[in-house]
Amino acid sequence: MRPALALVLALLAAAPAHAARTVTYGADEAGPLRADVFRPAHHSRIAVIAVHGGAWLHNDRAVFAPIAAELARRSGFVVVNVEYPRAPAGGRLYARQRSAVEQAVTWVRGHARSLGVDPRRVGALGGSAGGNLVALVGTGGHGSLRTGTRLGAAVAWSGQLDLKRLRGEGATNVVSYLGCDLAACPQTWALASPFDHVNHGDTPMLLFGSRHDSTPPSQSTRMARALRTAGVDGRAVILPGARHGQQYAEAAMARTIAFLRRHLARS
């Protein structure tokens, strides 16, 4: 066998069955919004939007790609790993980022037939700042589960869920993100805070943290309690140690998949 052909065959053999396909799923004032779609060869009818972290202003979807790929591989879900705008910082950025996640939900539903998924069975997973954005859509989505922006289920790993209660580095990150401190613009902080929007029509949520997380675990426990008080399935899981977001992916993955499957299988 010629060396070049042998190399091509080796690369094909090493490629995962669900190698990502890049798509344009929406638009922002800064340009097109792109995502990578991980579609297992034998997938279920469930789709999950994956949203990376990075204090809202940093990183890109590449940092969450291993998580998205592993989620698709282990669950059989079609996973859409999205990019979102990260500049300029200021009071409008949270709305642009939330819109990006909502556009991803709409795109999946609009392409459900070609993706081979059920438009009613769309959930989301977000890490850190991505968890904040997923929860914002979970508390503010609108329309039906077939055509709107509502999520059927959401999971946040170390999400910043009640911004006004953050202290230290967490609060500093929010100031950098929104361009003002809590005293100067409390309304903007509330608009970007999922906790402030909890109501009885919200998405079921599973909220992870770790005991010594840089995002306090009380962010997850308080949000879960508020959801339950509103009559929504809200659960918090606090893991040992000080890992943050995708650092505890292996410990959180099985319960993440089980929660998404339980709610999305019956949507």
C-alpha atoms as a PDB file:
ATOM      1  CA  MET A   1       0.000   0.000   0.000  1.00  0.00           C
ATOM      2  CA  ARG A   2       1.327   3.456  -0.868  1.00  0.00           C
ATOM      3  CA  PRO A   3       2.279   5.596   2.185  1.00  0.00           C
ATOM      4  CA  ALA A   4      -0.138   8.418   1.296  1.00  0.00           C
ATOM      5  CA  LEU A   5      -3.089   6.034   1.014  1.00  0.00           C
ATOM      6  CA  ALA A   6      -2.110   4.307   4.240  1.00  0.00           C
ATOM      7  CA  LEU A   7      -2.068   7.691   6.024  1.00  0.00           C
ATOM      8  CA  VAL A   8      -5.543   8.607   4.740  1.00  0.00           C
ATOM      9  CA  LEU A   9      -6.951   5.256   5.855  1.00  0.00           C
ATOM     10  CA  ALA A  10      -5.366   5.629   9.283  1.00  0.00           C
ATOM     11  CA  LEU A  11      -6.860   9.086   9.723  1.00  0.00           C
ATOM     12  CA  LEU A  12     -10.302   7.863   8.687  1.00  0.00           C
ATOM     13  CA  ALA A  13     -10.075   4.971  11.130  1.00  0.00           C
ATOM     14  CA  ALA A  14      -9.102   7.327  13.943  1.00  0.00           C
ATOM     15  CA  ALA A  15     -11.907   9.829  13.254  1.00  0.00           C
ATOM     16  CA  PRO A  16     -14.872   9.571  15.654  1.00  0.00           C
ATOM     17  CA  ALA A  17     -18.187   8.442  14.234  1.00  0.00           C
ATOM     18  CA  HIS A  18     -19.687  11.738  15.360  1.00  0.00           C
ATOM     19  CA  ALA A  19     -17.053  14.169  14.017  1.00  0.00           C
ATOM     20  CA  ALA A  20     -18.303  17.745  14.254  1.00  0.00           C
ATOM     21  CA  ARG A  21     -19.872  19.652  11.370  1.00  0.00           C
ATOM     22  CA  THR A  22     -19.644  23.454  11.570  1.00  0.00           C
ATOM     23  CA  VAL A  23     -22.827  25.412  10.842  1.00  0.00           C
ATOM     24  CA  THR A  24     -23.980  29.020  10.956  1.00  0.00           C
ATOM     25  CA  TYR A  25     -26.936  29.024  13.319  1.00  0.00           C
ATOM     26  CA  GLY A  26     -27.702  32.727  13.645  1.00  0.00           C
ATOM     27  CA  ALA A  27     -26.444  36.271  13.461  1.00  0.00           C
ATOM     28  CA  ASP A  28     -25.189  38.963  15.813  1.00  0.00           C
ATOM     29  CA  GLU A  29     -24.253  42.574  15.119  1.00  0.00           C
ATOM     30  CA  ALA A  30     -20.605  41.419  15.117  1.00  0.00           C
ATOM     31  CA  GLY A  31     -21.220  38.786  12.434  1.00  0.00           C
ATOM     32  CA  PRO A  32     -22.423  35.211  11.896  1.00  0.00           C
ATOM     33  CA  LEU A  33     -22.868  32.879  14.860  1.00  0.00           C
ATOM     34  CA  ARG A  34     -21.316  29.446  14.364  1.00  0.00           C
ATOM     35  CA  ALA A  35     -21.588  26.103  16.099  1.00  0.00           C
ATOM     36  CA  ASP A  36     -20.213  22.594  15.801  1.00  0.00           C
ATOM     37  CA  VAL A  37     -22.765  19.804  15.533  1.00  0.00           C
ATOM     38  CA  PHE A  38     -21.844  16.422  17.024  1.00  0.00           C
ATOM     39  CA  ARG A  39     -24.233  13.856  15.593  1.00  0.00           C
ATOM     40  CA  PRO A  40     -23.602  10.241  16.603  1.00  0.00           C
ATOM     41  CA  ALA A  41     -24.104   7.619  13.918  1.00  0.00           C
ATOM     42  CA  HIS A  42     -26.893   6.023  15.959  1.00  0.00           C
ATOM     43  CA  HIS A  43     -28.401   8.969  17.769  1.00  0.00           C
ATOM     44  CA  SER A  44     -31.570   9.539  19.736  1.00  0.00           C
ATOM     45  CA  ARG A  45     -34.216  12.154  18.969  1.00  0.00           C
ATOM     46  CA  ILE A  46     -32.839  14.465  21.682  1.00  0.00           C
ATOM     47  CA  ALA A  47     -30.761  17.572  20.924  1.00  0.00           C
ATOM     48  CA  VAL A  48     -28.667  19.495  23.469  1.00  0.00           C
ATOM     49  CA  ILE A  49     -27.186  22.987  23.102  1.00  0.00           C
ATOM     50  CA  ALA A  50     -23.708  23.170  24.719  1.00  0.00           C
ATOM     51  CA  VAL A  51     -22.507  26.582  25.932  1.00  0.00           C
ATOM     52  CA  HIS A  52     -18.927  27.242  27.041  1.00  0.00           C
ATOM     53  CA  GLY A  53     -17.729  29.362  29.938  1.00  0.00           C
ATOM     54  CA  GLY A  54     -15.006  31.965  30.376  1.00  0.00           C
ATOM     55  CA  ALA A  55     -16.369  34.810  32.555  1.00  0.00           C
ATOM     56  CA  TRP A  56     -18.579  35.829  29.604  1.00  0.00           C
ATOM     57  CA  LEU A  57     -15.683  37.637  27.890  1.00  0.00           C
ATOM     58  CA  HIS A  58     -13.122  34.889  27.267  1.00  0.00           C
ATOM     59  CA  ASN A  59     -12.590  31.499  25.601  1.00  0.00           C
ATOM     60  CA  ASP A  60     -14.527  30.151  22.643  1.00  0.00           C
ATOM     61  CA  ARG A  61     -16.449  27.021  21.765  1.00  0.00           C
ATOM     62  CA  ALA A  62     -13.221  25.027  21.261  1.00  0.00           C
ATOM     63  CA  VAL A  63     -12.745  24.786  25.055  1.00  0.00           C
ATOM     64  CA  PHE A  64     -16.102  23.003  25.371  1.00  0.00           C
ATOM     65  CA  ALA A  65     -15.695  20.807  22.291  1.00  0.00           C
ATOM     66  CA  PRO A  66     -14.316  17.809  24.258  1.00  0.00           C
ATOM     67  CA  ILE A  67     -17.336  18.039  26.583  1.00  0.00           C
ATOM     68  CA  ALA A  68     -19.754  18.248  23.657  1.00  0.00           C
ATOM     69  CA  ALA A  69     -18.115  15.294  21.920  1.00  0.00           C
ATOM     70  CA  GLU A  70     -18.133  13.170  25.073  1.00  0.00           C
ATOM     71  CA  LEU A  71     -21.755  14.058  25.806  1.00  0.00           C
ATOM     72  CA  ALA A  72     -22.753  12.989  22.285  1.00  0.00           C
ATOM     73  CA  ARG A  73     -20.711   9.792  22.501  1.00  0.00           C
ATOM     74  CA  ARG A  74     -22.026   8.672  25.877  1.00  0.00           C
ATOM     75  CA  SER A  75     -25.653   9.752  25.496  1.00  0.00           C
ATOM     76  CA  GLY A  76     -26.467   9.409  21.809  1.00  0.00           C
ATOM     77  CA  PHE A  77     -27.794  12.992  21.854  1.00  0.00           C
ATOM     78  CA  VAL A  78     -27.195  15.360  18.953  1.00  0.00           C
ATOM     79  CA  VAL A  79     -25.061  18.083  20.583  1.00  0.00           C
ATOM     80  CA  VAL A  80     -24.701  21.596  19.185  1.00  0.00           C
ATOM     81  CA  ASN A  81     -21.657  23.368  20.660  1.00  0.00           C
ATOM     82  CA  VAL A  82     -22.241  27.098  20.157  1.00  0.00           C
ATOM     83  CA  GLU A  83     -20.217  30.263  19.911  1.00  0.00           C
ATOM     84  CA  TYR A  84     -21.599  33.538  21.288  1.00  0.00           C
ATOM     85  CA  PRO A  85     -20.515  37.207  21.167  1.00  0.00           C
ATOM     86  CA  ARG A  86     -17.997  38.238  23.841  1.00  0.00           C
ATOM     87  CA  ALA A  87     -17.314  41.903  23.081  1.00  0.00           C
ATOM     88  CA  PRO A  88     -17.644  44.714  23.716  1.00  0.00           C
ATOM     89  CA  ALA A  89     -18.386  44.433  27.417  1.00  0.00           C
ATOM     90  CA  GLY A  90     -21.253  46.498  28.736  1.00  0.00           C
ATOM     91  CA  GLY A  91     -24.913  46.492  29.545  1.00  0.00           C
ATOM     92  CA  ARG A  92     -26.028  45.190  26.138  1.00  0.00           C
ATOM     93  CA  LEU A  93     -23.752  42.166  25.983  1.00  0.00           C
ATOM     94  CA  TYR A  94     -25.859  39.904  28.217  1.00  0.00           C
ATOM     95  CA  ALA A  95     -28.860  40.378  25.889  1.00  0.00           C
ATOM     96  CA  ARG A  96     -26.776  39.571  22.808  1.00  0.00           C
ATOM     97  CA  GLN A  97     -25.429  36.422  24.479  1.00  0.00           C
ATOM     98  CA  ARG A  98     -28.864  35.307  25.598  1.00  0.00           C
ATOM     99  CA  SER A  99     -30.143  35.956  22.079  1.00  0.00           C
ATOM    100  CA  ALA A 100     -27.363  33.758  20.680  1.00  0.00           C
ATOM    101  CA  VAL A 101     -28.455  30.805  22.824  1.00  0.00           C
ATOM    102  CA  GLU A 102     -32.098  31.415  21.905  1.00  0.00           C
ATOM    103  CA  GLN A 103     -31.153  31.507  18.221  1.00  0.00           C
ATOM    104  CA  ALA A 104     -29.408  28.166  18.661  1.00  0.00           C
ATOM    105  CA  VAL A 105     -32.604  26.671  20.088  1.00  0.00           C
ATOM    106  CA  THR A 106     -34.607  28.091  17.176  1.00  0.00           C
ATOM    107  CA  TRP A 107     -32.054  26.799  14.660  1.00  0.00           C
ATOM    108  CA  VAL A 108     -32.212  23.264  16.059  1.00  0.00           C
ATOM    109  CA  ARG A 109     -36.012  23.283  15.920  1.00  0.00           C
ATOM    110  CA  GLY A 110     -35.972  24.676  12.399  1.00  0.00           C
ATOM    111  CA  HIS A 111     -33.545  21.955  11.281  1.00  0.00           C
ATOM    112  CA  ALA A 112     -35.026  19.139  13.343  1.00  0.00           C
ATOM    113  CA  ARG A 113     -35.875  17.022  10.312  1.00  0.00           C
ATOM    114  CA  SER A 114     -32.370  17.141   8.812  1.00  0.00           C
ATOM    115  CA  LEU A 115     -30.780  16.603  12.225  1.00  0.00           C
ATOM    116  CA  GLY A 116     -33.076  13.675  12.937  1.00  0.00           C
ATOM    117  CA  VAL A 117     -34.328  15.077  16.250  1.00  0.00           C
ATOM    118  CA  ASP A 118     -37.682  15.925  17.783  1.00  0.00           C
ATOM    119  CA  PRO A 119     -38.130  19.726  18.023  1.00  0.00           C
ATOM    120  CA  ARG A 120     -39.894  19.252  21.370  1.00  0.00           C
ATOM    121  CA  ARG A 121     -36.831  17.520  22.842  1.00  0.00           C
ATOM    122  CA  VAL A 122     -34.241  20.307  23.006  1.00  0.00           C
ATOM    123  CA  GLY A 123     -32.210  20.896  26.167  1.00  0.00           C
ATOM    124  CA  ALA A 124     -29.005  22.667  27.116  1.00  0.00           C
ATOM    125  CA  LEU A 125     -25.791  22.254  29.099  1.00  0.00           C
ATOM    126  CA  GLY A 126     -23.659  25.214  30.120  1.00  0.00           C
ATOM    127  CA  GLY A 127     -20.428  25.536  32.066  1.00  0.00           C
ATOM    128  CA  SER A 128     -19.705  28.532  34.322  1.00  0.00           C
ATOM    129  CA  ALA A 129     -20.779  31.649  32.361  1.00  0.00           C
ATOM    130  CA  GLY A 130     -22.384  29.251  29.900  1.00  0.00           C
ATOM    131  CA  GLY A 131     -24.426  27.936  32.816  1.00  0.00           C
ATOM    132  CA  ASN A 132     -25.626  31.476  33.487  1.00  0.00           C
ATOM    133  CA  LEU A 133     -26.718  31.862  29.859  1.00  0.00           C
ATOM    134  CA  VAL A 134     -28.445  28.470  29.763  1.00  0.00           C
ATOM    135  CA  ALA A 135     -30.330  29.347  32.962  1.00  0.00           C
ATOM    136  CA  LEU A 136     -31.291  32.761  31.550  1.00  0.00           C
ATOM    137  CA  VAL A 137     -32.940  31.041  28.600  1.00  0.00           C
ATOM    138  CA  GLY A 138     -34.400  28.462  30.976  1.00  0.00           C
ATOM    139  CA  THR A 139     -36.118  31.223  32.968  1.00  0.00           C
ATOM    140  CA  GLY A 140     -36.983  33.428  30.005  1.00  0.00           C
ATOM    141  CA  GLY A 141     -37.691  31.264  26.974  1.00  0.00           C
ATOM    142  CA  HIS A 142     -40.993  31.831  25.255  1.00  0.00           C
ATOM    143  CA  GLY A 143     -43.365  30.051  22.907  1.00  0.00           C
ATOM    144  CA  SER A 144     -43.990  26.337  22.600  1.00  0.00           C
ATOM    145  CA  LEU A 145     -41.523  23.480  22.905  1.00  0.00           C
ATOM    146  CA  ARG A 146     -42.034  22.861  19.207  1.00  0.00           C
ATOM    147  CA  THR A 147     -41.406  26.308  17.734  1.00  0.00           C
ATOM    148  CA  GLY A 148     -40.351  28.719  20.494  1.00  0.00           C
ATOM    149  CA  THR A 149     -37.160  29.305  22.480  1.00  0.00           C
ATOM    150  CA  ARG A 150     -38.178  27.379  25.597  1.00  0.00           C
ATOM    151  CA  LEU A 151     -35.902  24.554  26.709  1.00  0.00           C
ATOM    152  CA  GLY A 152     -37.202  21.163  27.751  1.00  0.00           C
ATOM    153  CA  ALA A 153     -34.428  20.765  30.356  1.00  0.00           C
ATOM    154  CA  ALA A 154     -31.205  22.523  31.337  1.00  0.00           C
ATOM    155  CA  VAL A 155     -28.044  21.665  33.255  1.00  0.00           C
ATOM    156  CA  ALA A 156     -25.554  24.215  34.610  1.00  0.00           C
ATOM    157  CA  TRP A 157     -22.091  23.349  35.869  1.00  0.00           C
ATOM    158  CA  SER A 158     -20.938  26.103  38.277  1.00  0.00           C
ATOM    159  CA  GLY A 159     -23.298  28.649  36.779  1.00  0.00           C
ATOM    160  CA  GLN A 160     -23.483  32.195  38.155  1.00  0.00           C
ATOM    161  CA  LEU A 161     -27.190  32.245  38.906  1.00  0.00           C
ATOM    162  CA  ASP A 162     -27.800  35.011  41.472  1.00  0.00           C
ATOM    163  CA  LEU A 163     -25.391  37.758  40.482  1.00  0.00           C
ATOM    164  CA  LYS A 164     -26.143  40.169  43.333  1.00  0.00           C
ATOM    165  CA  ARG A 165     -24.878  37.584  45.852  1.00  0.00           C
ATOM    166  CA  LEU A 166     -21.497  37.080  44.218  1.00  0.00           C
ATOM    167  CA  ARG A 167     -18.468  38.435  46.059  1.00  0.00           C
ATOM    168  CA  GLY A 168     -14.761  38.817  45.359  1.00  0.00           C
ATOM    169  CA  GLU A 169     -13.596  37.537  41.978  1.00  0.00           C
ATOM    170  CA  GLY A 170     -17.121  36.552  41.009  1.00  0.00           C
ATOM    171  CA  ALA A 171     -18.454  40.079  41.505  1.00  0.00           C
ATOM    172  CA  THR A 172     -15.386  41.563  39.797  1.00  0.00           C
ATOM    173  CA  ASN A 173     -16.072  39.396  36.744  1.00  0.00           C
ATOM    174  CA  VAL A 174     -19.661  40.658  36.599  1.00  0.00           C
ATOM    175  CA  VAL A 175     -18.472  44.287  36.788  1.00  0.00           C
ATOM    176  CA  SER A 176     -16.094  43.642  33.877  1.00  0.00           C
ATOM    177  CA  TYR A 177     -18.896  41.911  31.963  1.00  0.00           C
ATOM    178  CA  LEU A 178     -21.698  44.430  32.477  1.00  0.00           C
ATOM    179  CA  GLY A 179     -19.515  47.531  32.701  1.00  0.00           C
ATOM    180  CA  CYS A 180     -20.847  48.732  36.052  1.00  0.00           C
ATOM    181  CA  ASP A 181     -21.111  47.617  39.654  1.00  0.00           C
ATOM    182  CA  LEU A 182     -24.244  46.516  41.466  1.00  0.00           C
ATOM    183  CA  ALA A 183     -24.775  49.882  43.177  1.00  0.00           C
ATOM    184  CA  ALA A 184     -24.581  51.774  39.889  1.00  0.00           C
ATOM    185  CA  CYS A 185     -26.849  49.552  37.780  1.00  0.00           C
ATOM    186  CA  PRO A 186     -28.861  47.084  39.868  1.00  0.00           C
ATOM    187  CA  GLN A 187     -31.444  46.660  37.100  1.00  0.00           C
ATOM    188  CA  THR A 188     -28.832  45.448  34.612  1.00  0.00           C
ATOM    189  CA  TRP A 189     -27.477  42.961  37.135  1.00  0.00           C
ATOM    190  CA  ALA A 190     -31.017  41.697  37.739  1.00  0.00           C
ATOM    191  CA  LEU A 191     -31.713  41.325  34.017  1.00  0.00           C
ATOM    192  CA  ALA A 192     -28.574  39.169  33.666  1.00  0.00           C
ATOM    193  CA  SER A 193     -29.389  37.092  36.770  1.00  0.00           C
ATOM    194  CA  PRO A 194     -31.522  33.946  36.249  1.00  0.00           C
ATOM    195  CA  PHE A 195     -32.551  33.863  39.926  1.00  0.00           C
ATOM    196  CA  ASP A 196     -34.445  37.122  39.465  1.00  0.00           C
ATOM    197  CA  HIS A 197     -36.678  35.621  36.766  1.00  0.00           C
ATOM    198  CA  VAL A 198     -37.797  32.321  38.317  1.00  0.00           C
ATOM    199  CA  ASN A 199     -41.479  31.537  37.782  1.00  0.00           C
ATOM    200  CA  HIS A 200     -43.782  28.534  37.500  1.00  0.00           C
ATOM    201  CA  GLY A 201     -43.306  28.127  33.741  1.00  0.00           C
ATOM    202  CA  ASP A 202     -39.535  27.692  33.869  1.00  0.00           C
ATOM    203  CA  THR A 203     -37.394  24.883  32.523  1.00  0.00           C
ATOM    204  CA  PRO A 204     -36.475  21.972  34.826  1.00  0.00           C
ATOM    205  CA  MET A 205     -32.857  22.451  35.896  1.00  0.00           C
ATOM    206  CA  LEU A 206     -30.041  20.388  37.372  1.00  0.00           C
ATOM    207  CA  LEU A 207     -27.436  22.677  38.950  1.00  0.00           C
ATOM    208  CA  PHE A 208     -23.937  21.503  39.871  1.00  0.00           C
ATOM    209  CA  GLY A 209     -21.238  23.070  41.979  1.00  0.00           C
ATOM    210  CA  SER A 210     -18.355  21.936  44.156  1.00  0.00           C
ATOM    211  CA  ARG A 211     -17.909  22.524  47.866  1.00  0.00           C
ATOM    212  CA  HIS A 212     -15.023  24.984  47.441  1.00  0.00           C
ATOM    213  CA  ASP A 213     -15.893  26.156  43.924  1.00  0.00           C
ATOM    214  CA  SER A 214     -14.864  29.663  42.838  1.00  0.00           C
ATOM    215  CA  THR A 215     -18.582  30.084  42.109  1.00  0.00           C
ATOM    216  CA  PRO A 216     -20.112  29.472  45.551  1.00  0.00           C
ATOM    217  CA  PRO A 217     -22.218  26.299  45.698  1.00  0.00           C
ATOM    218  CA  SER A 218     -24.986  28.380  47.289  1.00  0.00           C
ATOM    219  CA  GLN A 219     -25.590  29.771  43.781  1.00  0.00           C
ATOM    220  CA  SER A 220     -26.864  26.321  42.801  1.00  0.00           C
ATOM    221  CA  THR A 221     -28.676  25.436  46.015  1.00  0.00           C
ATOM    222  CA  ARG A 222     -30.563  28.747  46.238  1.00  0.00           C
ATOM    223  CA  MET A 223     -31.603  28.576  42.600  1.00  0.00           C
ATOM    224  CA  ALA A 224     -32.778  24.984  42.945  1.00  0.00           C
ATOM    225  CA  ARG A 225     -34.815  25.927  46.017  1.00  0.00           C
ATOM    226  CA  ALA A 226     -36.397  28.884  44.202  1.00  0.00           C
ATOM    227  CA  LEU A 227     -37.356  26.670  41.274  1.00  0.00           C
ATOM    228  CA  ARG A 228     -38.961  24.087  43.549  1.00  0.00           C
ATOM    229  CA  THR A 229     -40.880  26.822  45.366  1.00  0.00           C
ATOM    230  CA  ALA A 230     -42.221  27.903  41.966  1.00  0.00           C
ATOM    231  CA  GLY A 231     -43.304  24.328  41.227  1.00  0.00           C
ATOM    232  CA  VAL A 232     -40.440  23.518  38.854  1.00  0.00           C
ATOM    233  CA  ASP A 233     -38.067  20.547  39.096  1.00  0.00           C
ATOM    234  CA  GLY A 234     -34.918  22.203  40.426  1.00  0.00           C
ATOM    235  CA  ARG A 235     -32.077  20.063  41.791  1.00  0.00           C
ATOM    236  CA  ALA A 236     -28.632  20.927  43.112  1.00  0.00           C
ATOM    237  CA  VAL A 237     -25.669  18.569  43.277  1.00  0.00           C
ATOM    238  CA  ILE A 238     -22.639  19.736  45.266  1.00  0.00           C
ATOM    239  CA  LEU A 239     -19.489  17.733  44.581  1.00  0.00           C
ATOM    240  CA  PRO A 240     -16.447  17.510  46.885  1.00  0.00           C
ATOM    241  CA  GLY A 241     -13.333  19.557  46.265  1.00  0.00           C
ATOM    242  CA  ALA A 242     -12.716  22.872  44.515  1.00  0.00           C
ATOM    243  CA  ARG A 243     -13.213  21.978  40.859  1.00  0.00           C
ATOM    244  CA  HIS A 244     -15.092  24.442  38.671  1.00  0.00           C
ATOM    245  CA  GLY A 245     -17.356  23.783  35.687  1.00  0.00           C
ATOM    246  CA  GLN A 246     -15.938  21.391  33.158  1.00  0.00           C
ATOM    247  CA  GLN A 247     -13.128  20.456  35.551  1.00  0.00           C
ATOM    248  CA  TYR A 248     -15.602  18.032  37.158  1.00  0.00           C
ATOM    249  CA  ALA A 249     -17.130  16.861  33.869  1.00  0.00           C
ATOM    250  CA  GLU A 250     -16.390  13.201  34.499  1.00  0.00           C
ATOM    251  CA  ALA A 251     -18.078  13.271  37.901  1.00  0.00           C
ATOM    252  CA  ALA A 252     -21.116  15.143  36.581  1.00  0.00           C
ATOM    253  CA  MET A 253     -21.622  13.543  33.170  1.00  0.00           C
ATOM    254  CA  ALA A 254     -23.724  10.510  34.091  1.00  0.00           C
ATOM    255  CA  ARG A 255     -26.187  12.527  36.186  1.00  0.00           C
ATOM    256  CA  THR A 256     -26.276  15.232  33.519  1.00  0.00           C
ATOM    257  CA  ILE A 257     -27.247  12.688  30.866  1.00  0.00           C
ATOM    258  CA  ALA A 258     -29.814  11.013  33.117  1.00  0.00           C
ATOM    259  CA  PHE A 259     -31.535  14.319  33.943  1.00  0.00           C
ATOM    260  CA  LEU A 260     -31.647  15.485  30.330  1.00  0.00           C
ATOM    261  CA  ARG A 261     -32.896  12.100  29.138  1.00  0.00           C
ATOM    262  CA  ARG A 262     -35.574  11.887  31.828  1.00  0.00           C
ATOM    263  CA  HIS A 263     -37.091  15.262  30.971  1.00  0.00           C
ATOM    264  CA  LEU A 264     -36.514  15.334  27.231  1.00  0.00           C
ATOM    265  CA  ALA A 265     -37.718  11.814  26.568  1.00  0.00           C
ATOM    266  CA  ARG A 266     -41.173  12.842  27.753  1.00  0.00           C
ATOM    267  CA  SER A 267     -41.322  16.387  26.347  1.00  0.00           C
END
